[in-house]
Structures are given as C-alpha cells and as structure tokens.
C-alpha cells in the first residue's frame, strides 16, 4: 500500500484529487472536488477543464433547486416555524398511509413527499445538510451513484414512514439521513475516521433530535439511514468486485422492495400499526 508523501510511515489508500500524491488523514482537506493535499488545498484559483466537470456536484445543486422550487410553489401562508401549511401542492404530495392503500393507490406520494417542506426552518436545515453532504459525497462516488443512493434512501424512508405511523409526513430528511449512511460506508472504505470527518457526530445529533423533538418522522429518518447505508454498501461492494452494474441493480431491487413494502403495510386491514 502507498504511504503518505509527507508521513512515509503512514499507509494510505487515498490520493490528492489534484496532484495524485498519496495523503494520510492528517494531510487531507475536503474540497468540493475531492480530497486535497495541503499544497493543492491552498490554491485559490484553478482552471476547470472538461474532464474535471464530473467532479462538480451537479446532482446536489439540482436536488436543492427542485426542493426550493417545490417549496415556493406550496400554497398557503409561509412562516419560520408554522406547520399549518395547506394547499394543492401539499395536499396532493404529502405522504400518509391511507393515501397509499385502501384503494387510493396514490403511490407518487412516496417520492413527492421528499420534496416538500413545512416552513423556512425545515427546508433551510435540510438543504444546508444536503449541500454539505453533497459536496463531500458526490465528487467522491460520482453523480449517478449519488443520485441512486439519494432516491433509494428516499423510498426506504417513505416505507419507514408508513410502517411506523399513520400521520402525514413530508421533507427531505429521510434521503439526507441516507446520504449520511452512505458517507459512513465511503469513509470506512477509504480508511478515514468517521468521527474526525464529523459524520459520526452529525448522525448522533440528528438521531437524538429525531427521538426528542415533536413532529419529527422517526420512521423516515431511521428508514432513510438504513436505506442509504445499504445502497452505499451495495455500490461499494460491487465496485470492489469490478461489477458496478450489480450495485445499481441492488439499489433498484432495494427501492422496489421499499415500495412494495409500503403498499403492503398501507393496504393491510385490521393491523396493529399505529
């Protein structure tokens, strides 16, 4: 295994995304275009070449834009904290169990609910986390894999919603928790510390908030975290075996299982679900 160019006694599997030199955890600087060595991270201006465009987190920016546009089109009176928002966009997009089952078959809610938010605090916090995680994860794994993980986690989080509660749910937090789970997989695969990266603390803090604050969808958060972790693990394992298509296929199967599970739970009658 290669050793850090600044610390020859330390083995590492990570290289600077700019110059290619191997770097250890003490020499890594996270940037929007991957890990950089100390020298390259100090460069303030850099010409972006065509082959480097893939490192720009385009999917992250697109997801943020979609969420913001969806929020702006929600009808009703916006406020910083109010959760009493109604209107056609909210009413037709929010996820709740009876809308999926009981003959309603409104399956689009499994996805649309992940792009709707209650208020400015809600969307602001979620988009901030999406931005941070996207800048770290998308350049590292690629835009296609990032998008697949995001939507897989969203659907597994939606399954968690209908499995845990009959109450309405909306927000991108399930998918964002999934990105945290995928980040854990990627960090471990690269030999990086989960705690030093800040991801470990971020997960713990958000889990604590999930179980202590009111009006938080625990099912979406736990489901999304599990879905993102499994999706990230499947993609990483497939890449290591040099059959990347299998990782994407596994994510599709996981997403399909989440949708079918949500339909089964929503359509169950006389069950003991809340």
Protein backbone atom coordinates (compact mmCIF):
# COMPACT_ATOMS: atom_id res chain seq x y z
CA UNK A 1 0.00 0.00 0.00
CA UNK A 2 1.17 3.53 -0.72
CA UNK A 3 2.45 5.77 2.06
CA UNK A 4 1.72 9.43 2.68
CA UNK A 5 4.18 11.66 0.86
CA UNK A 6 4.51 13.84 3.98
CA UNK A 7 4.45 11.00 6.53
CA UNK A 8 6.24 7.99 4.97
CA UNK A 9 5.48 5.77 7.97
CA UNK A 10 1.70 6.02 7.40
CA UNK A 11 -0.01 3.79 4.85
CA UNK A 12 -2.98 5.21 2.97
CA UNK A 13 -5.32 4.34 0.14
CA UNK A 14 -6.30 7.95 -0.58
CA UNK A 15 -4.63 10.27 -3.07
CA UNK A 16 -4.92 14.01 -3.69
CA UNK A 17 -7.60 14.62 -6.30
CA UNK A 18 -5.42 17.30 -7.92
CA UNK A 19 -1.81 16.09 -7.98
CA UNK A 20 -2.35 12.40 -7.24
CA UNK A 21 0.08 12.16 -4.33
CA UNK A 22 -0.92 9.74 -1.52
CA UNK A 23 -2.09 11.50 1.65
CA UNK A 24 -2.97 10.37 5.17
CA UNK A 25 -5.86 11.60 7.31
CA UNK A 26 -3.81 14.42 8.85
CA UNK A 27 -2.95 15.76 5.40
CA UNK A 28 -6.43 15.59 3.86
CA UNK A 29 -8.54 18.64 3.18
CA UNK A 30 -12.11 18.08 1.98
CA UNK A 31 -12.99 20.28 -1.01
CA UNK A 32 -15.92 20.33 -3.47
CA UNK A 33 -13.73 18.40 -5.92
CA UNK A 34 -12.48 15.69 -3.55
CA UNK A 35 -9.67 15.27 -1.05
CA UNK A 36 -6.68 17.59 -1.49
CA UNK A 37 -3.14 17.60 -0.10
CA UNK A 38 -2.02 20.65 1.93
CA UNK A 39 -0.31 22.29 -1.05
CA UNK A 40 -3.17 21.84 -3.52
CA UNK A 41 -5.82 22.88 -0.99
CA UNK A 42 -4.17 26.31 -0.77
CA UNK A 43 -4.70 27.00 -4.47
CA UNK A 44 -7.38 29.69 -4.68
CA UNK A 45 -7.84 29.76 -8.44
CA UNK A 46 -7.89 26.84 -10.81
CA UNK A 47 -8.97 26.40 -14.39
CA UNK A 48 -11.77 23.85 -14.64
CA UNK A 49 -11.06 21.51 -17.55
CA UNK A 50 -13.64 19.40 -19.36
CA UNK A 51 -12.57 16.15 -17.70
CA UNK A 52 -12.99 17.77 -14.28
CA UNK A 53 -16.63 18.74 -14.79
CA UNK A 54 -17.67 15.35 -13.42
CA UNK A 55 -16.33 16.46 -10.03
CA UNK A 56 -18.85 19.32 -9.79
CA UNK A 57 -21.79 18.19 -7.58
CA UNK A 58 -24.42 18.87 -10.21
CA UNK A 59 -26.97 16.43 -8.78
CA UNK A 60 -26.68 18.08 -5.37
CA UNK A 61 -27.37 21.51 -6.85
CA UNK A 62 -30.25 20.13 -8.92
CA UNK A 63 -31.86 18.49 -5.87
CA UNK A 64 -31.58 21.69 -3.88
CA UNK A 65 -33.14 23.64 -6.76
CA UNK A 66 -36.05 21.18 -7.04
CA UNK A 67 -36.71 21.34 -3.32
CA UNK A 68 -36.64 25.14 -3.31
CA UNK A 69 -38.95 25.41 -6.33
CA UNK A 70 -41.36 22.91 -4.77
CA UNK A 71 -41.35 24.90 -1.54
CA UNK A 72 -42.05 28.16 -3.34
CA UNK A 73 -44.99 26.61 -5.18
CA UNK A 74 -46.62 25.38 -1.98
CA UNK A 75 -49.79 27.35 -1.44
CA UNK A 76 -50.59 28.85 1.90
CA UNK A 77 -49.00 31.24 4.34
CA UNK A 78 -45.31 30.64 4.92
CA UNK A 79 -43.65 31.26 8.26
CA UNK A 80 -40.47 30.37 10.09
CA UNK A 81 -42.00 27.76 12.38
CA UNK A 82 -45.62 27.09 11.44
CA UNK A 83 -46.55 23.57 10.36
CA UNK A 84 -50.09 24.56 9.36
CA UNK A 85 -49.47 24.81 5.62
CA UNK A 86 -52.18 23.67 3.26
CA UNK A 87 -52.85 23.93 -0.44
CA UNK A 88 -52.99 21.74 -3.52
CA UNK A 89 -49.25 21.03 -3.68
CA UNK A 90 -49.06 19.96 -0.03
CA UNK A 91 -52.37 18.12 -0.03
CA UNK A 92 -51.52 16.17 -3.19
CA UNK A 93 -47.89 15.47 -2.29
CA UNK A 94 -47.68 14.73 1.44
CA UNK A 95 -47.29 11.08 2.45
CA UNK A 96 -49.68 9.24 4.76
CA UNK A 97 -50.61 5.59 4.99
CA UNK A 98 -54.21 5.67 3.82
CA UNK A 99 -53.29 7.54 0.64
CA UNK A 100 -51.17 4.59 -0.50
CA UNK A 101 -53.54 1.78 0.45
CA UNK A 102 -57.27 1.37 0.97
CA UNK A 103 -57.94 1.68 -2.76
CA UNK A 104 -56.43 5.17 -3.11
CA UNK A 105 -53.20 3.98 -4.79
CA UNK A 106 -51.53 7.40 -4.72
CA UNK A 107 -48.05 5.94 -4.98
CA UNK A 108 -46.43 9.15 -6.19
CA UNK A 109 -46.55 10.41 -2.61
CA UNK A 110 -43.69 8.06 -1.75
CA UNK A 111 -41.44 10.40 -3.75
CA UNK A 112 -43.19 13.79 -3.79
CA UNK A 113 -43.30 13.95 0.00
CA UNK A 114 -39.50 14.01 -0.03
CA UNK A 115 -39.50 17.34 -1.89
CA UNK A 116 -42.00 19.22 0.29
CA UNK A 117 -41.31 21.15 3.49
CA UNK A 118 -43.39 22.77 6.22
CA UNK A 119 -41.58 26.08 6.72
CA UNK A 120 -38.38 28.02 6.11
CA UNK A 121 -36.60 26.45 9.08
CA UNK A 122 -37.47 22.98 7.84
CA UNK A 123 -36.23 23.46 4.28
CA UNK A 124 -33.29 25.62 5.33
CA UNK A 125 -31.89 22.99 7.69
CA UNK A 126 -32.43 20.14 5.24
CA UNK A 127 -30.91 21.99 2.28
CA UNK A 128 -27.89 23.00 4.36
CA UNK A 129 -27.23 19.36 5.25
CA UNK A 130 -27.83 18.28 1.65
CA UNK A 131 -25.31 20.88 0.47
CA UNK A 132 -22.63 19.76 2.95
CA UNK A 133 -23.11 16.06 2.31
CA UNK A 134 -23.35 16.56 -1.44
CA UNK A 135 -20.08 18.49 -1.60
CA UNK A 136 -18.35 15.69 0.26
CA UNK A 137 -20.00 12.59 -1.22
CA UNK A 138 -20.97 13.30 -4.84
CA UNK A 139 -17.46 14.14 -6.14
CA UNK A 140 -16.14 11.04 -4.36
CA UNK A 141 -18.58 8.48 -5.79
CA UNK A 142 -19.92 10.16 -8.92
CA UNK A 143 -23.20 11.85 -9.79
CA UNK A 144 -25.06 8.72 -10.95
CA UNK A 145 -24.24 6.74 -7.81
CA UNK A 146 -25.07 9.74 -5.65
CA UNK A 147 -28.49 10.13 -7.27
CA UNK A 148 -29.23 6.41 -6.98
CA UNK A 149 -28.36 6.42 -3.28
CA UNK A 150 -30.44 9.53 -2.69
CA UNK A 151 -33.62 8.15 -4.24
CA UNK A 152 -33.12 4.69 -2.73
CA UNK A 153 -32.87 6.24 0.72
CA UNK A 154 -35.89 8.43 -0.02
CA UNK A 155 -38.04 5.40 -0.89
CA UNK A 156 -36.82 3.32 2.06
CA UNK A 157 -37.50 6.33 4.29
CA UNK A 158 -41.02 6.54 2.87
CA UNK A 159 -41.52 2.88 3.73
CA UNK A 160 -40.37 3.72 7.26
CA UNK A 161 -42.99 6.45 7.45
CA UNK A 162 -45.97 4.26 6.59
CA UNK A 163 -44.60 1.37 8.67
CA UNK A 164 -44.22 3.43 11.85
CA UNK A 165 -47.12 5.88 11.79
CA UNK A 166 -50.36 6.80 10.05
CA UNK A 167 -49.61 10.53 10.48
CA UNK A 168 -48.74 12.69 7.44
CA UNK A 169 -45.05 13.17 6.70
CA UNK A 170 -43.01 15.33 4.38
CA UNK A 171 -39.44 16.54 3.98
CA UNK A 172 -36.09 15.53 2.51
CA UNK A 173 -34.64 14.37 5.80
CA UNK A 174 -35.09 10.66 5.05
CA UNK A 175 -32.96 10.94 1.92
CA UNK A 176 -30.46 13.14 3.74
CA UNK A 177 -30.11 10.56 6.51
CA UNK A 178 -29.45 8.09 3.70
CA UNK A 179 -26.55 10.22 2.48
CA UNK A 180 -25.12 10.11 6.00
CA UNK A 181 -25.32 6.32 5.94
CA UNK A 182 -23.64 6.17 2.54
CA UNK A 183 -20.94 8.56 3.75
CA UNK A 184 -20.15 6.16 6.60
CA UNK A 185 -19.63 3.34 4.07
CA UNK A 186 -17.40 5.50 1.87
CA UNK A 187 -15.31 6.82 4.74
CA UNK A 188 -14.68 3.32 6.10
CA UNK A 189 -13.78 2.05 2.64
CA UNK A 190 -11.20 4.83 2.28
CA UNK A 191 -9.77 4.22 5.74
CA UNK A 192 -10.92 7.57 7.10
CA UNK A 193 -12.18 8.27 10.60
CA UNK A 194 -15.95 8.63 10.82
CA UNK A 195 -15.70 10.74 13.95
CA UNK A 196 -12.95 13.04 12.66
CA UNK A 197 -14.91 13.65 9.49
CA UNK A 198 -17.84 14.93 11.55
CA UNK A 199 -20.31 12.43 10.04
CA UNK A 200 -20.49 10.32 13.20
CA UNK A 201 -21.40 13.28 15.37
CA UNK A 202 -23.86 14.54 12.77
CA UNK A 203 -25.70 11.22 12.77
CA UNK A 204 -25.80 11.01 16.56
CA UNK A 205 -27.07 14.57 16.98
CA UNK A 206 -29.77 14.13 14.36
CA UNK A 207 -30.88 10.82 15.84
CA UNK A 208 -31.19 12.43 19.26
CA UNK A 209 -33.27 15.23 17.75
CA UNK A 210 -35.41 12.66 15.94
CA UNK A 211 -36.42 10.98 19.20
CA UNK A 212 -36.74 14.10 21.35
CA UNK A 213 -38.44 16.75 19.19
CA UNK A 214 -42.11 16.72 18.31
CA UNK A 215 -43.36 16.41 14.72
CA UNK A 216 -40.24 14.51 13.63
CA UNK A 217 -40.69 11.47 11.41
CA UNK A 218 -38.60 8.83 13.14
CA UNK A 219 -39.59 6.25 10.54
CA UNK A 220 -38.29 8.39 7.69
CA UNK A 221 -35.01 9.10 9.46
CA UNK A 222 -34.25 5.53 10.52
CA UNK A 223 -35.51 4.09 7.24
CA UNK A 224 -33.51 6.57 5.19
CA UNK A 225 -30.35 5.94 7.22
CA UNK A 226 -30.64 2.18 6.72
CA UNK A 227 -31.54 2.55 3.05
CA UNK A 228 -28.60 4.86 2.33
CA UNK A 229 -26.18 2.61 4.20
CA UNK A 230 -27.34 -0.49 2.32
CA UNK A 231 -27.27 1.32 -1.02
CA UNK A 232 -23.81 2.69 -0.37
CA UNK A 233 -22.54 -0.71 0.76
CA UNK A 234 -24.00 -2.44 -2.32
CA UNK A 235 -22.39 0.08 -4.67
CA UNK A 236 -19.03 -0.05 -2.89
CA UNK A 237 -19.01 -3.87 -2.80
CA UNK A 238 -19.88 -4.08 -6.48
CA UNK A 239 -17.15 -1.59 -7.39
CA UNK A 240 -14.57 -3.57 -5.44
CA UNK A 241 -15.55 -6.68 -7.41
CA UNK A 242 -15.37 -4.64 -10.64
CA UNK A 243 -19.03 -5.24 -11.48
CA UNK A 244 -20.50 -1.77 -10.81
CA UNK A 245 -23.78 -2.59 -12.55
CA UNK A 246 -24.62 -5.05 -9.77
CA UNK A 247 -24.51 -2.25 -7.22
CA UNK A 248 -27.02 -0.21 -9.17
CA UNK A 249 -29.22 -3.27 -9.69
CA UNK A 250 -29.14 -3.94 -5.95
CA UNK A 251 -30.30 -0.37 -5.29
CA UNK A 252 -33.17 -0.78 -7.76
CA UNK A 253 -34.23 -4.00 -6.03
CA UNK A 254 -34.00 -2.33 -2.62
CA UNK A 255 -36.13 0.57 -3.86
CA UNK A 256 -38.68 -1.84 -5.33
CA UNK A 257 -38.83 -3.75 -2.05
CA UNK A 258 -39.42 -0.49 -0.17
CA UNK A 259 -42.29 0.48 -2.49
CA UNK A 260 -43.89 -2.95 -2.28
CA UNK A 261 -43.46 -2.95 1.48
CA UNK A 262 -45.11 0.45 1.77
CA UNK A 263 -48.03 -0.74 -0.36
CA UNK A 264 -48.38 -3.90 1.70
CA UNK A 265 -48.35 -2.02 5.02
CA UNK A 266 -50.71 0.69 3.76
CA UNK A 267 -53.17 -1.84 2.39
CA UNK A 268 -53.21 -4.01 5.50
CA UNK A 269 -56.54 -4.00 7.29
CA UNK A 270 -57.05 -4.68 10.93
CA UNK A 271 -53.33 -4.46 11.61
CA UNK A 272 -51.74 -3.36 14.80
CA UNK A 273 -49.90 -0.45 13.24
CA UNK A 274 -50.31 2.98 14.81
